[in-house]
């Protein structure tokens, strides 16, 4: 027993001695450099400051813009909406940063039932701001405050079609409207995918010359620009743009 205890004691001393020799050896000699010690100290306090800032951001109350996917239920198969029903909403929410992050990790989906709104061969669908806000508030956590919804309400004309429509995807450059002569608007990305809805018989008739994608030069404090489309063929039933909003920078000419 005494021999075993002595063996354990000697082993621990050997471990300490080995660690000390490693730290004092050439491999770790740079740790004794005063400049390197300053760099390590700076990195340590920088990481500490970032960690404290991140912790503060998670627990502080702030406002964030969140995208909410819209899922429409009870939609007849052969129907066309003009303009197209929005596939997402932008909402401004106020809450603690930690709770706001949950809406980024787990995107919200708003389900809207159109069964009671579509009657006859053609007509108008309108979903009021109150209905949308009630649905959104049901999705949000109890501590979250809904500040703004874009668009505030949904309105579109519909028509039932005799034949099932199909879709054709075009890749189009995004043009800028209202750009001053002394400024240049750079978009990210500069091209978008435009899904064009047409009757089956007109699928091959649609070309990239029939549809334009554009944004309007910003005049206020905005971070994203919505992409709009224009088309001149009567058989085009509607369009959908991906991505629907673009980041940008303004360059001085």
C-alpha atoms as a PDB file:
ATOM      1  CA  UNK A   1       0.000   0.000   0.000  1.00  0.00           C
ATOM      2  CA  UNK A   2       2.847   2.405   0.926  1.00  0.00           C
ATOM      3  CA  UNK A   3       4.603   1.672  -2.355  1.00  0.00           C
ATOM      4  CA  UNK A   4       1.415   2.345  -4.315  1.00  0.00           C
ATOM      5  CA  UNK A   5       0.891   5.712  -2.603  1.00  0.00           C
ATOM      6  CA  UNK A   6       4.489   6.707  -3.277  1.00  0.00           C
ATOM      7  CA  UNK A   7       4.069   5.694  -6.920  1.00  0.00           C
ATOM      8  CA  UNK A   8       0.969   7.918  -7.252  1.00  0.00           C
ATOM      9  CA  UNK A   9       2.750  10.832  -5.590  1.00  0.00           C
ATOM     10  CA  UNK A  10       5.767  10.545  -7.868  1.00  0.00           C
ATOM     11  CA  UNK A  11       3.497  10.332 -10.921  1.00  0.00           C
ATOM     12  CA  UNK A  12       1.780  13.624 -10.050  1.00  0.00           C
ATOM     13  CA  UNK A  13       5.114  15.344  -9.608  1.00  0.00           C
ATOM     14  CA  UNK A  14       6.229  14.036 -12.951  1.00  0.00           C
ATOM     15  CA  UNK A  15       3.072  15.404 -14.607  1.00  0.00           C
ATOM     16  CA  UNK A  16       3.593  18.863 -13.096  1.00  0.00           C
ATOM     17  CA  UNK A  17       7.211  18.828 -14.109  1.00  0.00           C
ATOM     18  CA  UNK A  18       6.321  17.836 -17.669  1.00  0.00           C
ATOM     19  CA  UNK A  19       3.743  20.628 -17.972  1.00  0.00           C
ATOM     20  CA  UNK A  20       6.184  23.187 -16.595  1.00  0.00           C
ATOM     21  CA  UNK A  21       8.877  22.126 -19.037  1.00  0.00           C
ATOM     22  CA  UNK A  22       6.436  22.394 -21.948  1.00  0.00           C
ATOM     23  CA  UNK A  23       5.379  25.925 -21.003  1.00  0.00           C
ATOM     24  CA  UNK A  24       8.963  27.023 -20.481  1.00  0.00           C
ATOM     25  CA  UNK A  25      10.212  25.363 -23.665  1.00  0.00           C
ATOM     26  CA  UNK A  26      10.789  26.960 -27.045  1.00  0.00           C
ATOM     27  CA  UNK A  27       7.330  25.998 -28.285  1.00  0.00           C
ATOM     28  CA  UNK A  28       5.657  28.400 -25.842  1.00  0.00           C
ATOM     29  CA  UNK A  29       8.465  30.931 -25.578  1.00  0.00           C
ATOM     30  CA  UNK A  30       6.315  33.456 -27.458  1.00  0.00           C
ATOM     31  CA  UNK A  31       4.069  33.695 -24.398  1.00  0.00           C
ATOM     32  CA  UNK A  32       6.856  35.500 -22.574  1.00  0.00           C
ATOM     33  CA  UNK A  33       7.058  38.210 -25.242  1.00  0.00           C
ATOM     34  CA  UNK A  34       5.622  41.465 -23.771  1.00  0.00           C
ATOM     35  CA  UNK A  35       4.105  42.491 -27.121  1.00  0.00           C
ATOM     36  CA  UNK A  36       2.416  39.125 -27.500  1.00  0.00           C
ATOM     37  CA  UNK A  37       1.079  39.383 -23.969  1.00  0.00           C
ATOM     38  CA  UNK A  38      -0.439  42.771 -24.880  1.00  0.00           C
ATOM     39  CA  UNK A  39      -2.038  41.249 -27.976  1.00  0.00           C
ATOM     40  CA  UNK A  40      -3.489  38.362 -25.956  1.00  0.00           C
ATOM     41  CA  UNK A  41      -4.799  40.766 -23.333  1.00  0.00           C
ATOM     42  CA  UNK A  42      -6.415  42.914 -26.041  1.00  0.00           C
ATOM     43  CA  UNK A  43      -8.055  39.858 -27.652  1.00  0.00           C
ATOM     44  CA  UNK A  44      -9.310  38.642 -24.280  1.00  0.00           C
ATOM     45  CA  UNK A  45     -10.957  41.936 -23.371  1.00  0.00           C
ATOM     46  CA  UNK A  46     -12.345  42.306 -26.914  1.00  0.00           C
ATOM     47  CA  UNK A  47     -13.991  38.882 -26.687  1.00  0.00           C
ATOM     48  CA  UNK A  48     -15.260  39.736 -23.229  1.00  0.00           C
ATOM     49  CA  UNK A  49     -16.771  43.009 -24.504  1.00  0.00           C
ATOM     50  CA  UNK A  50     -18.444  41.218 -27.434  1.00  0.00           C
ATOM     51  CA  UNK A  51     -19.884  38.600 -25.097  1.00  0.00           C
ATOM     52  CA  UNK A  52     -21.228  41.299 -22.759  1.00  0.00           C
ATOM     53  CA  UNK A  53     -22.707  43.238 -25.707  1.00  0.00           C
ATOM     54  CA  UNK A  54     -24.372  40.107 -27.081  1.00  0.00           C
ATOM     55  CA  UNK A  55     -25.804  39.248 -23.662  1.00  0.00           C
ATOM     56  CA  UNK A  56     -27.105  42.808 -23.294  1.00  0.00           C
ATOM     57  CA  UNK A  57     -28.644  42.707 -26.796  1.00  0.00           C
ATOM     58  CA  UNK A  58     -30.458  39.455 -26.035  1.00  0.00           C
ATOM     59  CA  UNK A  59     -32.013  40.857 -22.870  1.00  0.00           C
ATOM     60  CA  UNK A  60     -32.688  44.441 -23.959  1.00  0.00           C
ATOM     61  CA  UNK A  61     -36.010  45.465 -25.489  1.00  0.00           C
ATOM     62  CA  UNK A  62     -35.786  46.508 -29.117  1.00  0.00           C
ATOM     63  CA  UNK A  63     -37.690  46.525 -32.416  1.00  0.00           C
ATOM     64  CA  UNK A  64     -37.111  44.127 -35.311  1.00  0.00           C
ATOM     65  CA  UNK A  65     -38.592  43.554 -38.757  1.00  0.00           C
ATOM     66  CA  UNK A  66     -39.791  39.986 -39.281  1.00  0.00           C
ATOM     67  CA  UNK A  67     -41.061  38.276 -42.413  1.00  0.00           C
ATOM     68  CA  UNK A  68     -44.163  36.114 -42.063  1.00  0.00           C
ATOM     69  CA  UNK A  69     -45.053  33.546 -44.712  1.00  0.00           C
ATOM     70  CA  UNK A  70     -48.703  33.602 -45.814  1.00  0.00           C
ATOM     71  CA  UNK A  71     -50.437  30.297 -46.602  1.00  0.00           C
ATOM     72  CA  UNK A  72     -53.838  30.530 -48.317  1.00  0.00           C
ATOM     73  CA  UNK A  73     -56.319  27.726 -47.761  1.00  0.00           C
ATOM     74  CA  UNK A  74     -59.521  26.841 -49.603  1.00  0.00           C
ATOM     75  CA  UNK A  75     -58.335  28.276 -52.941  1.00  0.00           C
ATOM     76  CA  UNK A  76     -60.028  26.768 -56.045  1.00  0.00           C
ATOM     77  CA  UNK A  77     -57.643  25.050 -58.440  1.00  0.00           C
ATOM     78  CA  UNK A  78     -58.354  27.083 -61.598  1.00  0.00           C
ATOM     79  CA  UNK A  79     -58.340  30.624 -60.282  1.00  0.00           C
ATOM     80  CA  UNK A  80     -56.341  33.732 -61.042  1.00  0.00           C
ATOM     81  CA  UNK A  81     -55.745  36.675 -58.716  1.00  0.00           C
ATOM     82  CA  UNK A  82     -54.864  40.109 -60.031  1.00  0.00           C
ATOM     83  CA  UNK A  83     -52.754  41.401 -58.435  1.00  0.00           C
ATOM     84  CA  UNK A  84     -51.165  38.269 -57.040  1.00  0.00           C
ATOM     85  CA  UNK A  85     -51.862  37.602 -53.387  1.00  0.00           C
ATOM     86  CA  UNK A  86     -48.757  38.415 -51.299  1.00  0.00           C
ATOM     87  CA  UNK A  87     -46.840  35.338 -50.199  1.00  0.00           C
ATOM     88  CA  UNK A  88     -45.356  37.079 -47.161  1.00  0.00           C
ATOM     89  CA  UNK A  89     -45.944  40.003 -44.807  1.00  0.00           C
ATOM     90  CA  UNK A  90     -43.407  42.262 -43.103  1.00  0.00           C
ATOM     91  CA  UNK A  91     -44.131  43.028 -39.485  1.00  0.00           C
ATOM     92  CA  UNK A  92     -42.398  45.204 -36.909  1.00  0.00           C
ATOM     93  CA  UNK A  93     -42.277  43.591 -33.487  1.00  0.00           C
ATOM     94  CA  UNK A  94     -41.033  44.944 -30.156  1.00  0.00           C
ATOM     95  CA  UNK A  95     -39.690  42.537 -27.540  1.00  0.00           C
ATOM     96  CA  UNK A  96     -36.510  41.342 -25.887  1.00  0.00           C
ATOM     97  CA  UNK A  97     -33.762  40.414 -28.329  1.00  0.00           C
ATOM     98  CA  UNK A  98     -33.735  36.803 -27.184  1.00  0.00           C
ATOM     99  CA  UNK A  99     -37.420  36.371 -28.033  1.00  0.00           C
ATOM    100  CA  UNK A 100     -37.044  38.202 -31.345  1.00  0.00           C
ATOM    101  CA  UNK A 101     -34.371  35.685 -32.311  1.00  0.00           C
ATOM    102  CA  UNK A 102     -36.918  32.877 -32.012  1.00  0.00           C
ATOM    103  CA  UNK A 103     -38.858  34.400 -34.926  1.00  0.00           C
ATOM    104  CA  UNK A 104     -35.692  34.195 -37.039  1.00  0.00           C
ATOM    105  CA  UNK A 105     -34.901  30.612 -36.044  1.00  0.00           C
ATOM    106  CA  UNK A 106     -38.536  29.490 -36.373  1.00  0.00           C
ATOM    107  CA  UNK A 107     -40.218  31.592 -39.128  1.00  0.00           C
ATOM    108  CA  UNK A 108     -43.891  32.358 -38.618  1.00  0.00           C
ATOM    109  CA  UNK A 109     -46.658  31.179 -40.962  1.00  0.00           C
ATOM    110  CA  UNK A 110     -50.019  32.930 -41.166  1.00  0.00           C
ATOM    111  CA  UNK A 111     -52.824  30.711 -42.519  1.00  0.00           C
ATOM    112  CA  UNK A 112     -55.721  32.518 -44.201  1.00  0.00           C
ATOM    113  CA  UNK A 113     -58.874  30.667 -45.271  1.00  0.00           C
ATOM    114  CA  UNK A 114     -60.437  32.020 -48.486  1.00  0.00           C
ATOM    115  CA  UNK A 115     -63.345  29.562 -48.734  1.00  0.00           C
ATOM    116  CA  UNK A 116     -65.895  32.107 -47.525  1.00  0.00           C
ATOM    117  CA  UNK A 117     -64.515  34.886 -49.747  1.00  0.00           C
ATOM    118  CA  UNK A 118     -64.620  33.303 -53.219  1.00  0.00           C
ATOM    119  CA  UNK A 119     -68.107  33.257 -54.767  1.00  0.00           C
ATOM    120  CA  UNK A 120     -69.032  32.858 -58.417  1.00  0.00           C
ATOM    121  CA  UNK A 121     -66.826  33.097 -61.505  1.00  0.00           C
ATOM    122  CA  UNK A 122     -65.220  36.413 -60.581  1.00  0.00           C
ATOM    123  CA  UNK A 123     -65.161  38.941 -57.795  1.00  0.00           C
ATOM    124  CA  UNK A 124     -63.002  40.569 -55.143  1.00  0.00           C
ATOM    125  CA  UNK A 125     -61.178  39.152 -52.155  1.00  0.00           C
ATOM    126  CA  UNK A 126     -60.465  41.487 -49.250  1.00  0.00           C
ATOM    127  CA  UNK A 127     -58.869  40.511 -45.957  1.00  0.00           C
ATOM    128  CA  UNK A 128     -59.104  43.350 -43.464  1.00  0.00           C
ATOM    129  CA  UNK A 129     -56.310  44.704 -41.294  1.00  0.00           C
ATOM    130  CA  UNK A 130     -58.171  43.529 -38.163  1.00  0.00           C
ATOM    131  CA  UNK A 131     -58.284  39.924 -39.393  1.00  0.00           C
ATOM    132  CA  UNK A 132     -54.584  39.970 -40.255  1.00  0.00           C
ATOM    133  CA  UNK A 133     -53.564  41.531 -36.939  1.00  0.00           C
ATOM    134  CA  UNK A 134     -55.630  39.046 -34.939  1.00  0.00           C
ATOM    135  CA  UNK A 135     -53.990  36.165 -36.780  1.00  0.00           C
ATOM    136  CA  UNK A 136     -50.516  37.602 -36.239  1.00  0.00           C
ATOM    137  CA  UNK A 137     -51.088  38.277 -32.547  1.00  0.00           C
ATOM    138  CA  UNK A 138     -52.091  34.636 -32.127  1.00  0.00           C
ATOM    139  CA  UNK A 139     -48.699  33.632 -33.554  1.00  0.00           C
ATOM    140  CA  UNK A 140     -46.606  36.005 -31.430  1.00  0.00           C
ATOM    141  CA  UNK A 141     -45.435  35.346 -27.903  1.00  0.00           C
ATOM    142  CA  UNK A 142     -47.354  37.072 -25.160  1.00  0.00           C
ATOM    143  CA  UNK A 143     -44.587  39.577 -24.460  1.00  0.00           C
ATOM    144  CA  UNK A 144     -44.236  40.647 -28.118  1.00  0.00           C
ATOM    145  CA  UNK A 145     -45.947  43.838 -29.261  1.00  0.00           C
ATOM    146  CA  UNK A 146     -47.040  44.091 -32.899  1.00  0.00           C
ATOM    147  CA  UNK A 147     -46.267  47.610 -34.122  1.00  0.00           C
ATOM    148  CA  UNK A 148     -46.774  47.590 -37.889  1.00  0.00           C
ATOM    149  CA  UNK A 149     -47.852  45.259 -40.715  1.00  0.00           C
ATOM    150  CA  UNK A 150     -46.982  45.661 -44.410  1.00  0.00           C
ATOM    151  CA  UNK A 151     -49.242  45.410 -46.282  1.00  0.00           C
ATOM    152  CA  UNK A 152     -51.892  46.318 -43.723  1.00  0.00           C
ATOM    153  CA  UNK A 153     -54.654  44.521 -45.626  1.00  0.00           C
ATOM    154  CA  UNK A 154     -54.934  42.199 -48.639  1.00  0.00           C
ATOM    155  CA  UNK A 155     -57.154  42.993 -51.609  1.00  0.00           C
ATOM    156  CA  UNK A 156     -57.268  41.350 -55.032  1.00  0.00           C
ATOM    157  CA  UNK A 157     -59.648  40.592 -57.896  1.00  0.00           C
ATOM    158  CA  UNK A 158     -60.169  36.980 -58.891  1.00  0.00           C
ATOM    159  CA  UNK A 159     -61.518  35.084 -61.873  1.00  0.00           C
ATOM    160  CA  UNK A 160     -62.109  31.365 -62.335  1.00  0.00           C
ATOM    161  CA  UNK A 161     -60.410  30.053 -65.474  1.00  0.00           C
ATOM    162  CA  UNK A 162     -61.661  27.548 -68.045  1.00  0.00           C
ATOM    163  CA  UNK A 163     -58.276  25.870 -68.227  1.00  0.00           C
ATOM    164  CA  UNK A 164     -55.614  25.238 -65.691  1.00  0.00           C
ATOM    165  CA  UNK A 165     -52.821  27.883 -65.797  1.00  0.00           C
ATOM    166  CA  UNK A 166     -49.145  27.015 -65.832  1.00  0.00           C
ATOM    167  CA  UNK A 167     -46.026  28.914 -64.782  1.00  0.00           C
ATOM    168  CA  UNK A 168     -42.863  29.908 -66.621  1.00  0.00           C
ATOM    169  CA  UNK A 169     -39.767  31.209 -64.825  1.00  0.00           C
ATOM    170  CA  UNK A 170     -37.753  34.063 -66.347  1.00  0.00           C
ATOM    171  CA  UNK A 171     -34.451  35.501 -65.136  1.00  0.00           C
ATOM    172  CA  UNK A 172     -34.622  39.272 -65.540  1.00  0.00           C
ATOM    173  CA  UNK A 173     -32.361  42.230 -64.747  1.00  0.00           C
ATOM    174  CA  UNK A 174     -33.864  44.717 -62.313  1.00  0.00           C
ATOM    175  CA  UNK A 175     -34.241  48.240 -63.681  1.00  0.00           C
ATOM    176  CA  UNK A 176     -34.321  51.397 -61.562  1.00  0.00           C
ATOM    177  CA  UNK A 177     -36.985  54.073 -61.915  1.00  0.00           C
ATOM    178  CA  UNK A 178     -36.522  57.645 -60.744  1.00  0.00           C
ATOM    179  CA  UNK A 179     -32.739  57.444 -60.443  1.00  0.00           C
ATOM    180  CA  UNK A 180     -31.077  60.917 -60.232  1.00  0.00           C
ATOM    181  CA  UNK A 181     -28.405  61.678 -62.824  1.00  0.00           C
ATOM    182  CA  UNK A 182     -25.698  62.188 -60.187  1.00  0.00           C
ATOM    183  CA  UNK A 183     -26.371  58.906 -58.348  1.00  0.00           C
ATOM    184  CA  UNK A 184     -26.236  55.216 -59.155  1.00  0.00           C
ATOM    185  CA  UNK A 185     -28.280  52.580 -57.354  1.00  0.00           C
ATOM    186  CA  UNK A 186     -26.453  49.255 -57.031  1.00  0.00           C
ATOM    187  CA  UNK A 187     -28.749  46.313 -56.276  1.00  0.00           C
ATOM    188  CA  UNK A 188     -27.989  43.004 -54.591  1.00  0.00           C
ATOM    189  CA  UNK A 189     -28.736  40.836 -56.480  1.00  0.00           C
ATOM    190  CA  UNK A 190     -29.004  42.637 -59.813  1.00  0.00           C
ATOM    191  CA  UNK A 191     -31.241  39.909 -61.307  1.00  0.00           C
ATOM    192  CA  UNK A 192     -34.370  38.190 -60.039  1.00  0.00           C
ATOM    193  CA  UNK A 193     -36.469  35.161 -60.917  1.00  0.00           C
ATOM    194  CA  UNK A 194     -39.921  36.139 -62.185  1.00  0.00           C
ATOM    195  CA  UNK A 195     -42.525  33.391 -62.260  1.00  0.00           C
ATOM    196  CA  UNK A 196     -45.132  34.201 -64.919  1.00  0.00           C
ATOM    197  CA  UNK A 197     -48.559  32.612 -64.747  1.00  0.00           C
ATOM    198  CA  UNK A 198     -50.176  31.982 -68.159  1.00  0.00           C
ATOM    199  CA  UNK A 199     -52.730  29.629 -69.726  1.00  0.00           C
ATOM    200  CA  UNK A 200     -51.146  26.396 -70.899  1.00  0.00           C
ATOM    201  CA  UNK A 201     -51.581  27.275 -74.585  1.00  0.00           C
ATOM    202  CA  UNK A 202     -49.511  30.482 -74.177  1.00  0.00           C
ATOM    203  CA  UNK A 203     -46.576  28.910 -72.333  1.00  0.00           C
ATOM    204  CA  UNK A 204     -44.188  29.162 -75.294  1.00  0.00           C
ATOM    205  CA  UNK A 205     -45.370  32.652 -76.228  1.00  0.00           C
ATOM    206  CA  UNK A 206     -43.912  34.320 -73.135  1.00  0.00           C
ATOM    207  CA  UNK A 207     -40.370  35.727 -73.430  1.00  0.00           C
ATOM    208  CA  UNK A 208     -38.200  37.976 -71.255  1.00  0.00           C
ATOM    209  CA  UNK A 209     -39.211  40.890 -73.494  1.00  0.00           C
ATOM    210  CA  UNK A 210     -42.804  40.661 -72.269  1.00  0.00           C
ATOM    211  CA  UNK A 211     -42.040  41.308 -68.581  1.00  0.00           C
ATOM    212  CA  UNK A 212     -40.019  43.984 -66.784  1.00  0.00           C
ATOM    213  CA  UNK A 213     -38.759  43.887 -63.208  1.00  0.00           C
ATOM    214  CA  UNK A 214     -38.004  47.221 -61.534  1.00  0.00           C
ATOM    215  CA  UNK A 215     -37.522  49.093 -58.285  1.00  0.00           C
ATOM    216  CA  UNK A 216     -38.118  52.751 -57.484  1.00  0.00           C
ATOM    217  CA  UNK A 217     -35.193  54.876 -56.304  1.00  0.00           C
ATOM    218  CA  UNK A 218     -35.555  55.316 -52.518  1.00  0.00           C
ATOM    219  CA  UNK A 219     -36.530  58.695 -51.125  1.00  0.00           C
ATOM    220  CA  UNK A 220     -36.753  57.815 -47.434  1.00  0.00           C
ATOM    221  CA  UNK A 221     -34.899  55.782 -44.827  1.00  0.00           C
ATOM    222  CA  UNK A 222     -35.382  52.206 -46.060  1.00  0.00           C
ATOM    223  CA  UNK A 223     -33.089  49.174 -46.014  1.00  0.00           C
ATOM    224  CA  UNK A 224     -34.796  47.080 -48.713  1.00  0.00           C
ATOM    225  CA  UNK A 225     -36.525  47.868 -52.005  1.00  0.00           C
ATOM    226  CA  UNK A 226     -39.570  45.908 -53.178  1.00  0.00           C
ATOM    227  CA  UNK A 227     -39.361  44.553 -56.724  1.00  0.00           C
ATOM    228  CA  UNK A 228     -42.345  45.273 -58.969  1.00  0.00           C
ATOM    229  CA  UNK A 229     -43.218  43.915 -62.395  1.00  0.00           C
ATOM    230  CA  UNK A 230     -44.859  45.258 -65.519  1.00  0.00           C
ATOM    231  CA  UNK A 231     -46.128  43.207 -68.474  1.00  0.00           C
ATOM    232  CA  UNK A 232     -47.933  44.025 -71.690  1.00  0.00           C
ATOM    233  CA  UNK A 233     -49.464  40.736 -72.867  1.00  0.00           C
ATOM    234  CA  UNK A 234     -53.178  40.241 -72.065  1.00  0.00           C
ATOM    235  CA  UNK A 235     -52.754  36.485 -71.569  1.00  0.00           C
ATOM    236  CA  UNK A 236     -50.281  36.963 -68.690  1.00  0.00           C
ATOM    237  CA  UNK A 237     -52.346  36.295 -65.579  1.00  0.00           C
ATOM    238  CA  UNK A 238     -49.855  37.413 -62.938  1.00  0.00           C
ATOM    239  CA  UNK A 239     -46.265  37.309 -61.722  1.00  0.00           C
ATOM    240  CA  UNK A 240     -44.296  36.373 -58.638  1.00  0.00           C
ATOM    241  CA  UNK A 241     -40.775  37.659 -57.930  1.00  0.00           C
ATOM    242  CA  UNK A 242     -37.959  35.910 -56.050  1.00  0.00           C
ATOM    243  CA  UNK A 243     -36.470  37.569 -54.086  1.00  0.00           C
ATOM    244  CA  UNK A 244     -39.264  40.065 -53.643  1.00  0.00           C
ATOM    245  CA  UNK A 245     -37.060  42.704 -51.965  1.00  0.00           C
ATOM    246  CA  UNK A 246     -33.444  43.704 -52.623  1.00  0.00           C
ATOM    247  CA  UNK A 247     -30.629  45.256 -50.637  1.00  0.00           C
ATOM    248  CA  UNK A 248     -28.892  48.251 -52.185  1.00  0.00           C
ATOM    249  CA  UNK A 249     -26.236  50.921 -51.920  1.00  0.00           C
ATOM    250  CA  UNK A 250     -26.274  54.410 -53.449  1.00  0.00           C
ATOM    251  CA  UNK A 251     -23.122  55.470 -55.257  1.00  0.00           C
ATOM    252  CA  UNK A 252     -22.233  59.023 -56.186  1.00  0.00           C
ATOM    253  CA  UNK A 253     -21.464  59.478 -59.890  1.00  0.00           C
END
